[in-house]
Amino acid sequence: MIRQRGSHMILVKEGRMATLSVPDHKEVAKGTLRSLIRCSGLTAEGFVALAGR
């Protein structure tokens, strides 16, 4: 996380030009979550595996 503005965290992966804006809410809408996973380059299964750590 490089910064946070309001309720959104801005994430950057070193070596990449893209940034990802993630809402910092208790619940995120299903479509928003799927879009964030897709934009991050992960699969849903990969995300679940990382989230379970």
N, C-alpha and C. Protein backbone atom coordinates (compact mmCIF):
# COMPACT_ATOMS: atom_id res chain seq x y z
N MET A 1 0.85 -1.17 0.00
CA MET A 1 0.00 0.00 0.00
C MET A 1 0.90 1.23 0.00
N ILE A 2 0.69 2.09 -0.96
CA ILE A 2 1.52 3.29 -1.01
C ILE A 2 0.82 4.49 -0.39
N ARG A 3 -0.52 4.46 -0.40
CA ARG A 3 -1.24 5.57 0.23
C ARG A 3 -2.70 5.18 0.41
N GLN A 4 -3.40 6.01 1.18
CA GLN A 4 -4.83 5.83 1.36
C GLN A 4 -5.48 7.19 1.32
N ARG A 5 -6.54 7.27 0.57
CA ARG A 5 -7.29 8.53 0.48
C ARG A 5 -8.74 8.20 0.78
N GLY A 6 -9.24 8.72 1.87
CA GLY A 6 -10.60 8.39 2.27
C GLY A 6 -10.71 6.91 2.58
N SER A 7 -11.66 6.26 1.94
CA SER A 7 -11.89 4.85 2.22
C SER A 7 -11.29 3.94 1.15
N HIS A 8 -10.35 4.44 0.37
CA HIS A 8 -9.72 3.62 -0.67
C HIS A 8 -8.21 3.54 -0.47
N MET A 9 -7.71 2.31 -0.51
CA MET A 9 -6.26 2.07 -0.41
C MET A 9 -5.71 1.94 -1.83
N ILE A 10 -4.57 2.53 -2.07
CA ILE A 10 -3.93 2.45 -3.37
C ILE A 10 -2.76 1.48 -3.23
N LEU A 11 -2.83 0.38 -4.00
CA LEU A 11 -1.82 -0.67 -3.95
C LEU A 11 -0.98 -0.65 -5.21
N VAL A 12 0.31 -0.91 -5.07
CA VAL A 12 1.23 -0.97 -6.20
C VAL A 12 2.12 -2.18 -6.02
N LYS A 13 2.38 -2.89 -7.10
CA LYS A 13 3.31 -4.02 -7.06
C LYS A 13 4.60 -3.54 -7.72
N GLU A 14 5.71 -3.71 -7.01
CA GLU A 14 6.99 -3.25 -7.55
C GLU A 14 7.27 -3.92 -8.88
N GLY A 15 7.81 -3.14 -9.80
CA GLY A 15 8.12 -3.65 -11.12
C GLY A 15 6.94 -3.56 -12.08
N ARG A 16 5.81 -3.08 -11.62
CA ARG A 16 4.62 -2.94 -12.45
C ARG A 16 4.23 -1.47 -12.52
N MET A 17 3.65 -1.08 -13.63
CA MET A 17 3.21 0.30 -13.79
C MET A 17 1.79 0.51 -13.28
N ALA A 18 1.03 -0.57 -13.10
CA ALA A 18 -0.37 -0.46 -12.73
C ALA A 18 -0.55 -0.28 -11.23
N THR A 19 -1.62 0.41 -10.87
CA THR A 19 -2.01 0.55 -9.47
C THR A 19 -3.40 -0.04 -9.32
N LEU A 20 -3.75 -0.37 -8.11
CA LEU A 20 -5.06 -0.94 -7.82
C LEU A 20 -5.67 -0.17 -6.67
N SER A 21 -6.86 0.35 -6.88
CA SER A 21 -7.58 1.09 -5.85
C SER A 21 -8.58 0.14 -5.19
N VAL A 22 -8.37 -0.15 -3.91
CA VAL A 22 -9.20 -1.12 -3.19
C VAL A 22 -10.00 -0.40 -2.12
N PRO A 23 -11.33 -0.58 -2.12
CA PRO A 23 -12.14 0.05 -1.09
C PRO A 23 -11.88 -0.58 0.27
N ASP A 24 -11.76 0.24 1.29
CA ASP A 24 -11.52 -0.23 2.65
C ASP A 24 -12.85 -0.22 3.40
N HIS A 25 -13.73 -1.14 3.00
CA HIS A 25 -15.06 -1.26 3.59
C HIS A 25 -15.17 -2.61 4.29
N LYS A 26 -16.15 -2.74 5.20
CA LYS A 26 -16.38 -4.02 5.86
C LYS A 26 -16.80 -5.07 4.85
N GLU A 27 -17.63 -4.70 3.92
CA GLU A 27 -18.08 -5.59 2.86
C GLU A 27 -17.87 -4.92 1.51
N VAL A 28 -17.46 -5.73 0.54
CA VAL A 28 -17.26 -5.25 -0.83
C VAL A 28 -18.23 -6.02 -1.71
N ALA A 29 -18.88 -5.33 -2.63
CA ALA A 29 -19.83 -5.97 -3.53
C ALA A 29 -19.16 -7.09 -4.32
N LYS A 30 -19.92 -8.14 -4.61
CA LYS A 30 -19.39 -9.31 -5.30
C LYS A 30 -18.72 -8.95 -6.63
N GLY A 31 -19.38 -8.11 -7.42
CA GLY A 31 -18.83 -7.71 -8.71
C GLY A 31 -17.56 -6.89 -8.56
N THR A 32 -17.51 -6.04 -7.54
CA THR A 32 -16.32 -5.23 -7.28
C THR A 32 -15.15 -6.13 -6.89
N LEU A 33 -15.41 -7.12 -6.04
CA LEU A 33 -14.36 -8.05 -5.63
C LEU A 33 -13.84 -8.84 -6.81
N ARG A 34 -14.73 -9.35 -7.65
CA ARG A 34 -14.29 -10.10 -8.84
C ARG A 34 -13.45 -9.22 -9.76
N SER A 35 -13.85 -7.97 -9.92
CA SER A 35 -13.10 -7.04 -10.77
C SER A 35 -11.71 -6.78 -10.20
N LEU A 36 -11.62 -6.58 -8.88
CA LEU A 36 -10.33 -6.34 -8.25
C LEU A 36 -9.41 -7.55 -8.40
N ILE A 37 -9.97 -8.75 -8.22
CA ILE A 37 -9.17 -9.96 -8.38
C ILE A 37 -8.66 -10.07 -9.81
N ARG A 38 -9.54 -9.81 -10.78
CA ARG A 38 -9.15 -9.89 -12.19
C ARG A 38 -8.07 -8.85 -12.52
N CYS A 39 -8.23 -7.63 -12.04
CA CYS A 39 -7.25 -6.57 -12.31
C CYS A 39 -5.91 -6.85 -11.65
N SER A 40 -5.91 -7.59 -10.55
CA SER A 40 -4.66 -7.89 -9.86
C SER A 40 -3.86 -8.98 -10.55
N GLY A 41 -4.49 -9.68 -11.50
CA GLY A 41 -3.80 -10.75 -12.20
C GLY A 41 -3.93 -12.10 -11.51
N LEU A 42 -4.72 -12.16 -10.45
CA LEU A 42 -4.94 -13.42 -9.74
C LEU A 42 -6.17 -14.14 -10.29
N THR A 43 -6.26 -15.42 -9.97
CA THR A 43 -7.49 -16.15 -10.21
C THR A 43 -8.28 -16.12 -8.90
N ALA A 44 -9.56 -16.47 -8.98
CA ALA A 44 -10.37 -16.51 -7.76
C ALA A 44 -9.78 -17.53 -6.78
N GLU A 45 -9.31 -18.67 -7.30
CA GLU A 45 -8.72 -19.70 -6.44
C GLU A 45 -7.42 -19.20 -5.80
N GLY A 46 -6.62 -18.48 -6.57
CA GLY A 46 -5.38 -17.92 -6.04
C GLY A 46 -5.64 -16.90 -4.94
N PHE A 47 -6.68 -16.10 -5.14
CA PHE A 47 -7.06 -15.10 -4.14
C PHE A 47 -7.49 -15.78 -2.85
N VAL A 48 -8.34 -16.80 -2.97
CA VAL A 48 -8.82 -17.53 -1.80
C VAL A 48 -7.65 -18.15 -1.05
N ALA A 49 -6.71 -18.72 -1.78
CA ALA A 49 -5.53 -19.31 -1.14
C ALA A 49 -4.73 -18.27 -0.39
N LEU A 50 -4.55 -17.10 -0.97
CA LEU A 50 -3.79 -16.03 -0.29
C LEU A 50 -4.57 -15.44 0.88
N ALA A 51 -5.88 -15.35 0.73
CA ALA A 51 -6.71 -14.78 1.80
C ALA A 51 -6.76 -15.70 3.02
N GLY A 52 -6.55 -16.99 2.81
CA GLY A 52 -6.60 -17.95 3.89
C GLY A 52 -5.33 -18.01 4.71
N ARG A 53 -4.33 -17.26 4.34
CA ARG A 53 -3.05 -17.27 5.08
C ARG A 53 -3.21 -16.72 6.44
